[in-house]
Protein backbone atom coordinates (compact mmCIF):
# COMPACT_ATOMS: atom_id res chain seq x y z
CA UNK A 1 -2.60 23.02 -13.70
CA UNK A 2 0.76 24.06 -12.27
CA UNK A 3 0.93 25.31 -8.69
CA UNK A 4 3.48 27.91 -7.60
CA UNK A 5 3.95 28.85 -3.95
CA UNK A 6 6.12 31.82 -4.87
CA UNK A 7 6.16 34.62 -7.45
CA UNK A 8 9.86 34.66 -8.35
CA UNK A 9 11.82 33.29 -10.03
CA UNK A 10 9.40 31.79 -12.55
CA UNK A 11 9.86 29.90 -15.80
CA UNK A 12 9.13 32.06 -18.80
CA UNK A 13 5.98 30.14 -19.73
CA UNK A 14 4.48 30.94 -16.30
CA UNK A 15 4.65 34.70 -16.91
CA UNK A 16 2.55 36.95 -19.10
CA UNK A 17 -0.72 35.39 -17.92
CA UNK A 18 -4.22 36.70 -17.55
CA UNK A 19 -4.86 36.43 -13.82
CA UNK A 20 -7.99 36.19 -11.70
CA UNK A 21 -7.11 37.77 -8.33
CA UNK A 22 -8.81 36.93 -5.05
CA UNK A 23 -9.03 34.63 -2.04
CA UNK A 24 -11.64 32.43 -3.73
CA UNK A 25 -12.59 30.57 -0.54
CA UNK A 26 -15.39 28.26 -1.58
CA UNK A 27 -14.78 28.69 -5.33
CA UNK A 28 -18.49 29.46 -5.63
CA UNK A 29 -20.43 30.47 -8.75
CA UNK A 30 -19.49 34.13 -8.33
CA UNK A 31 -15.81 33.18 -8.22
CA UNK A 32 -16.43 30.98 -11.24
CA UNK A 33 -17.62 34.03 -13.18
CA UNK A 34 -14.37 35.89 -12.37
CA UNK A 35 -12.24 32.90 -13.33
CA UNK A 36 -14.20 32.25 -16.53
CA UNK A 37 -13.78 35.89 -17.58
CA UNK A 38 -10.02 35.56 -17.09
CA UNK A 39 -10.05 32.40 -19.18
CA UNK A 40 -11.93 34.09 -22.02
CA UNK A 41 -9.46 36.98 -22.13
CA UNK A 42 -6.52 34.55 -21.95
CA UNK A 43 -7.82 32.70 -25.01
CA UNK A 44 -8.27 35.97 -26.90
CA UNK A 45 -4.69 37.01 -26.11
CA UNK A 46 -3.15 33.57 -26.50
CA UNK A 47 -1.87 33.89 -22.92
CA UNK A 48 -1.82 31.47 -19.97
CA UNK A 49 -4.91 31.46 -17.76
CA UNK A 50 -3.93 31.92 -14.13
CA UNK A 51 -5.30 32.49 -10.65
CA UNK A 52 -3.49 34.35 -7.87
CA UNK A 53 -4.59 33.67 -4.32
CA UNK A 54 -3.18 33.67 -0.80
CA UNK A 55 -2.45 30.99 1.77
CA UNK A 56 -3.33 30.98 4.58
CA UNK A 57 -6.46 33.04 4.10
CA UNK A 58 -5.71 36.62 5.29
CA UNK A 59 -8.54 36.40 7.82
CA UNK A 60 -6.63 33.64 9.61
CA UNK A 61 -3.63 35.97 9.92
CA UNK A 62 -5.52 39.08 11.01
CA UNK A 63 -8.05 37.29 13.25
CA UNK A 64 -6.34 34.12 14.48
CA UNK A 65 -8.77 33.65 17.37
CA UNK A 66 -11.82 33.43 15.12
CA UNK A 67 -13.56 30.04 14.91
CA UNK A 68 -12.56 27.92 11.89
CA UNK A 69 -14.24 29.27 8.74
CA UNK A 70 -12.56 27.80 5.67
CA UNK A 71 -14.78 26.40 2.93
CA UNK A 72 -11.94 25.20 0.71
CA UNK A 73 -8.43 24.56 2.05
CA UNK A 74 -5.69 24.84 -0.57
CA UNK A 75 -5.87 21.21 -1.73
CA UNK A 76 -9.60 21.48 -2.43
CA UNK A 77 -9.35 24.98 -3.88
CA UNK A 78 -6.67 23.84 -6.32
CA UNK A 79 -8.84 20.95 -7.48
CA UNK A 80 -11.81 23.23 -8.14
CA UNK A 81 -9.74 25.90 -9.89
CA UNK A 82 -8.20 23.30 -12.17
CA UNK A 83 -11.69 22.04 -13.02
CA UNK A 84 -12.57 25.62 -14.03
CA UNK A 85 -9.77 25.61 -16.58
CA UNK A 86 -6.92 27.46 -14.86
CA UNK A 87 -3.45 26.67 -16.20
CA UNK A 88 -1.56 28.27 -13.32
CA UNK A 89 -2.23 28.82 -9.63
CA UNK A 90 -0.04 31.25 -7.70
CA UNK A 91 -0.76 30.59 -4.02
CA UNK A 92 1.32 33.21 -2.25
CA UNK A 93 2.24 32.85 1.41
CA UNK A 94 0.40 35.45 3.47
CA UNK A 95 1.73 36.61 6.85
CA UNK A 96 2.01 39.89 8.74
CA UNK A 97 5.13 40.85 6.77
CA UNK A 98 3.30 40.33 3.48
CA UNK A 99 0.33 42.27 4.88
CA UNK A 100 2.56 45.33 5.30
CA UNK A 101 3.30 45.42 1.57
CA UNK A 102 1.75 48.53 0.03
CA UNK A 103 -0.81 48.20 -2.74
CA UNK A 104 1.57 49.95 -5.14
CA UNK A 105 4.41 47.58 -4.24
CA UNK A 106 2.13 44.55 -4.78
CA UNK A 107 1.40 45.79 -8.29
CA UNK A 108 4.90 46.89 -9.28
CA UNK A 109 6.92 44.08 -7.70
CA UNK A 110 4.59 41.10 -8.04
CA UNK A 111 2.07 41.70 -10.81
CA UNK A 112 4.31 43.71 -13.12
CA UNK A 113 7.88 42.89 -12.12
CA UNK A 114 7.67 39.16 -11.43
CA UNK A 115 4.50 37.90 -13.13
CA UNK A 116 4.44 40.38 -16.05
CA UNK A 117 0.66 40.14 -16.20
CA UNK A 118 -1.17 40.89 -19.45
CA UNK A 119 -4.56 41.40 -17.83
CA UNK A 120 -6.19 40.92 -14.42
CA UNK A 121 -9.79 40.13 -13.52
CA UNK A 122 -11.24 40.88 -10.08
CA UNK A 123 -14.56 40.95 -8.32
CA UNK A 124 -16.20 44.29 -7.56
CA UNK A 125 -15.22 44.11 -3.87
CA UNK A 126 -11.57 43.07 -4.28
CA UNK A 127 -9.10 44.99 -2.08
CA UNK A 128 -5.41 44.43 -1.42
CA UNK A 129 -2.31 45.95 0.14
CA UNK A 130 -1.55 47.55 3.47
CA UNK A 131 -4.64 49.08 5.03
CA UNK A 132 -6.75 47.66 2.18
CA UNK A 133 -5.68 50.69 0.16
CA UNK A 134 -5.67 48.78 -3.12
CA UNK A 135 -9.19 49.34 -4.37
CA UNK A 136 -10.56 48.39 -7.77
CA UNK A 137 -10.18 52.00 -8.88
CA UNK A 138 -6.54 52.01 -7.78
CA UNK A 139 -5.90 48.77 -9.66
CA UNK A 140 -7.41 50.27 -12.82
CA UNK A 141 -5.19 53.33 -12.45
CA UNK A 142 -2.11 51.13 -12.03
CA UNK A 143 -3.11 49.03 -15.02
CA UNK A 144 -3.30 52.11 -17.20
CA UNK A 145 0.08 53.25 -15.90
CA UNK A 146 1.88 49.91 -16.35
CA UNK A 147 0.19 48.57 -19.45
CA UNK A 148 -2.02 45.74 -18.26
CA UNK A 149 -5.77 45.44 -18.60
CA UNK A 150 -8.22 45.31 -15.72
CA UNK A 151 -11.70 43.80 -15.88
CA UNK A 152 -14.08 44.10 -12.93
CA UNK A 153 -16.89 41.61 -12.42
CA UNK A 154 -20.06 42.97 -10.85
CA UNK A 155 -21.97 41.04 -8.14
CA UNK A 156 -23.36 37.70 -9.30
CA UNK A 157 -26.85 37.00 -7.98
CA UNK A 158 -28.75 33.76 -7.63
CA UNK A 159 -32.43 33.79 -8.48
CA UNK A 160 -33.16 31.52 -5.53
CA UNK A 161 -36.06 29.12 -5.39
CA UNK A 162 -39.82 29.54 -5.15
CA UNK A 163 -39.50 30.19 -1.42
CA UNK A 164 -36.18 32.02 -1.39
CA UNK A 165 -35.32 35.57 -2.33
CA UNK A 166 -32.65 36.51 -4.83
CA UNK A 167 -29.29 36.78 -3.09
CA UNK A 168 -25.81 37.90 -4.06
CA UNK A 169 -23.49 34.90 -4.17
CA UNK A 170 -20.71 35.19 -1.59
CA UNK A 171 -18.61 32.99 0.66
CA UNK A 172 -20.32 34.64 3.63
CA UNK A 173 -23.75 33.53 2.42
CA UNK A 174 -22.48 30.00 1.80
CA UNK A 175 -21.17 29.86 5.38
CA UNK A 176 -24.46 31.18 6.75
CA UNK A 177 -26.43 28.48 4.95
CA UNK A 178 -24.12 25.72 6.18
CA UNK A 179 -24.14 26.95 9.78
CA UNK A 180 -27.95 27.06 9.68
CA UNK A 181 -28.23 23.46 8.42
CA UNK A 182 -29.13 24.40 4.83
CA UNK A 183 -26.62 22.45 2.69
CA UNK A 184 -28.90 22.48 -0.37
CA UNK A 185 -28.94 26.30 -0.34
CA UNK A 186 -25.16 26.34 0.04
CA UNK A 187 -24.91 23.96 -2.93
CA UNK A 188 -27.09 26.27 -5.01
CA UNK A 189 -24.58 29.11 -4.52
CA UNK A 190 -21.51 26.91 -4.88
CA UNK A 191 -22.65 25.05 -7.97
CA UNK A 192 -21.81 21.77 -6.22
CA UNK A 193 -22.39 20.15 -2.84
CA UNK A 194 -20.04 21.42 -0.15
CA UNK A 195 -17.43 18.91 0.95
CA UNK A 196 -15.27 18.15 3.94
CA UNK A 197 -12.32 15.99 3.13
CA UNK A 198 -9.43 14.47 5.02
CA UNK A 199 -7.66 11.32 6.15
CA UNK A 200 -9.72 8.71 7.97
CA UNK A 201 -8.55 8.42 11.57
CA UNK A 202 -9.04 5.72 14.20
CA UNK A 203 -12.13 6.24 16.33
CA UNK A 204 -13.59 4.37 19.30
CA UNK A 205 -15.17 1.76 16.99
CA UNK A 206 -18.49 1.87 18.84
CA UNK A 207 -20.34 2.07 15.53
CA UNK A 208 -19.26 -1.48 14.71
CA UNK A 209 -20.96 -2.79 17.82
CA UNK A 210 -24.36 -1.58 16.65
CA UNK A 211 -23.95 -2.49 12.99
CA UNK A 212 -22.96 0.95 11.67
CA UNK A 213 -19.16 1.18 11.31
CA UNK A 214 -18.04 4.74 10.65
CA UNK A 215 -15.08 6.52 9.11
CA UNK A 216 -13.89 9.35 11.35
CA UNK A 217 -12.53 12.68 10.12
CA UNK A 218 -11.38 15.67 12.14
CA UNK A 219 -12.66 19.02 10.88
CA UNK A 220 -9.38 20.91 11.23
CA UNK A 221 -9.62 24.37 9.68
CA UNK A 222 -12.96 23.67 8.01
CA UNK A 223 -16.03 25.73 8.87
CA UNK A 224 -18.24 24.04 11.50
CA UNK A 225 -21.62 23.47 9.85
CA UNK A 226 -24.72 22.86 11.95
CA UNK A 227 -24.16 19.90 14.25
CA UNK A 228 -26.37 16.93 13.49
CA UNK A 229 -27.08 14.12 11.06
CA UNK A 230 -26.78 14.50 7.28
CA UNK A 231 -27.47 12.57 4.12
CA UNK A 232 -24.14 12.70 2.32
CA UNK A 233 -22.14 11.47 -0.63
CA UNK A 234 -18.80 9.94 0.39
CA UNK A 235 -15.91 9.55 -2.04
CA UNK A 236 -12.87 7.36 -1.46
CA UNK A 237 -9.98 8.96 -3.31
CA UNK A 238 -7.49 6.87 -5.23
CA UNK A 239 -4.61 8.10 -7.35
CA UNK A 240 -6.65 8.59 -10.51
CA UNK A 241 -10.29 8.33 -9.46
CA UNK A 242 -12.81 8.78 -6.68
CA UNK A 243 -15.24 5.97 -5.80
CA UNK A 244 -18.55 7.46 -4.59
CA UNK A 245 -21.05 5.95 -2.15
CA UNK A 246 -24.26 7.10 -0.56
CA UNK A 247 -23.77 7.59 3.17
CA UNK A 248 -25.16 8.99 6.41
CA UNK A 249 -23.01 11.20 8.60
CA UNK A 250 -22.99 12.82 12.01
CA UNK A 251 -21.17 16.04 12.83
CA UNK A 252 -20.92 16.55 16.56
CA UNK A 253 -19.50 15.46 19.88
CA UNK A 254 -21.42 12.15 20.34
CA UNK A 255 -23.14 13.06 23.65
CA UNK A 256 -24.67 9.57 24.07
CA UNK A 257 -21.18 8.11 24.60
CA UNK A 258 -19.83 11.10 26.54
CA UNK A 259 -17.77 12.47 23.65
CA UNK A 260 -16.25 15.92 23.85
CA UNK A 261 -14.27 16.45 20.64
CA UNK A 262 -16.09 17.57 17.51
CA UNK A 263 -15.74 15.13 14.63
CA UNK A 264 -17.33 13.94 11.44
CA UNK A 265 -18.43 10.28 11.44
CA UNK A 266 -19.55 8.73 8.16
CA UNK A 267 -21.26 5.39 7.52
CA UNK A 268 -20.95 4.35 3.87
CA UNK A 269 -23.80 2.32 2.41
CA UNK A 270 -23.00 -1.01 0.74
CA UNK A 271 -19.30 -0.79 1.55
CA UNK A 272 -17.08 -3.20 3.42
CA UNK A 273 -13.37 -2.69 3.85
CA UNK A 274 -10.71 -0.87 5.82
CA UNK A 275 -10.73 2.90 5.34
CA UNK A 276 -8.08 3.82 7.92
CA UNK A 277 -5.62 6.22 6.35
CA UNK A 278 -7.73 6.63 3.20
CA UNK A 279 -8.54 10.09 1.89
CA UNK A 280 -12.29 10.61 2.10
CA UNK A 281 -14.45 13.35 0.57
CA UNK A 282 -17.81 13.94 2.26
CA UNK A 283 -20.37 16.08 0.39
CA UNK A 284 -23.30 17.34 2.49
CA UNK A 285 -26.58 16.81 0.62
CA UNK A 286 -29.33 17.34 3.20
CA UNK A 287 -29.73 17.95 6.92
CA UNK A 288 -31.79 15.30 8.71
CA UNK A 289 -31.89 16.29 12.38
CA UNK A 290 -29.90 17.91 15.20
CA UNK A 291 -27.54 15.83 17.29
CA UNK A 292 -28.99 14.71 20.64
CA UNK A 293 -28.27 12.44 23.56
CA UNK A 294 -30.09 9.09 23.69
CA UNK A 295 -31.06 7.17 26.82
CA UNK A 296 -29.50 3.89 25.63
CA UNK A 297 -27.53 2.25 22.85
CA UNK A 298 -30.68 0.47 21.71
CA UNK A 299 -32.46 3.78 21.28
CA UNK A 300 -29.42 5.17 19.47
CA UNK A 301 -29.31 2.15 17.14
CA UNK A 302 -33.02 2.51 16.31
CA UNK A 303 -32.55 6.18 15.45
CA UNK A 304 -29.45 5.51 13.32
CA UNK A 305 -31.36 2.81 11.44
CA UNK A 306 -34.11 5.33 10.68
CA UNK A 307 -31.55 8.01 9.76
CA UNK A 308 -29.79 5.63 7.36
CA UNK A 309 -33.05 4.70 5.64
CA UNK A 310 -33.97 8.37 5.22
CA UNK A 311 -30.48 9.20 3.95
CA UNK A 312 -30.65 6.42 1.34
CA UNK A 313 -33.91 7.83 0.00
CA UNK A 314 -32.60 11.40 -0.09
CA UNK A 315 -29.32 10.35 -1.68
CA UNK A 316 -31.08 8.52 -4.51
CA UNK A 317 -33.43 11.45 -5.13
CA UNK A 318 -30.72 14.10 -5.09
CA UNK A 319 -28.31 12.21 -7.33
CA UNK A 320 -31.13 11.90 -9.87
CA UNK A 321 -32.07 15.56 -9.57
CA UNK A 322 -28.54 17.01 -9.53
CA UNK A 323 -26.83 15.61 -12.58
CA UNK A 324 -24.65 18.74 -12.51
CA UNK A 325 -22.80 17.47 -9.44
CA UNK A 326 -19.22 16.90 -10.60
CA UNK A 327 -17.56 13.52 -10.13
CA UNK A 328 -14.04 14.94 -10.01
């Protein structure tokens, strides 16, 4: 997949595509339906299959004081979109100047003038342009006027489980599940376990003193899921592969040692080596317990030992049960 951070000038073979339009934060199963529909039309027309999105997410521009909320920063989003078969990703820079662009100008200058789109596919709730004036109906009208097709994808629902109601798949619902400590429900909507990834940073190395060395990641712009202990899958990224391990992780401030900054600490099972500076992917499988303050290091060590044993059992069970989980 080729990534473009601009819309002009473009090589000729990057124009004339069928484009899925949207923010696609999370790249969940509903987004997958939009992107797959664009791919099917692209194959019919013999055209490139593309995705057009925005970076940073418009919500970060309009509401900069909101707590972090991102499910998939650009690097992760690009990986997932490529896995869904996209040939091209146009990740356009979004700022207040771009936000003032009218819906008509977005269509005539970008979609028609620069990208020369053959067809676009959007979700039922897609809006664009100044004042969110670019509705689906407006896009259809502009398509008819300028000679490109428009396909609208209706809401995609998940049937849920025996104890869960049917719900429309959305990034908002994924966030709600994660913030409530329900990573398995988030995974059901995403079609994969939700991940936090980043470079391993130096920590205080207290974990080594109690037999549980941890890799430390800062959460950055990622959504803050429920604080506590998780059974996770941890992947060490190399140039051409990712090596996966079962692991136990804590998301929180480490109150037992007087910590104040929120971080993700991961203990990889059956691994020995130096992870500093490595790129680590941490997929949340199940929530074990809330974070709490312990009276002593001995008490903390006993609890971590129990957490690790529980996480090993859960990891083995979930990897067996979820063969759909991608190894990319």
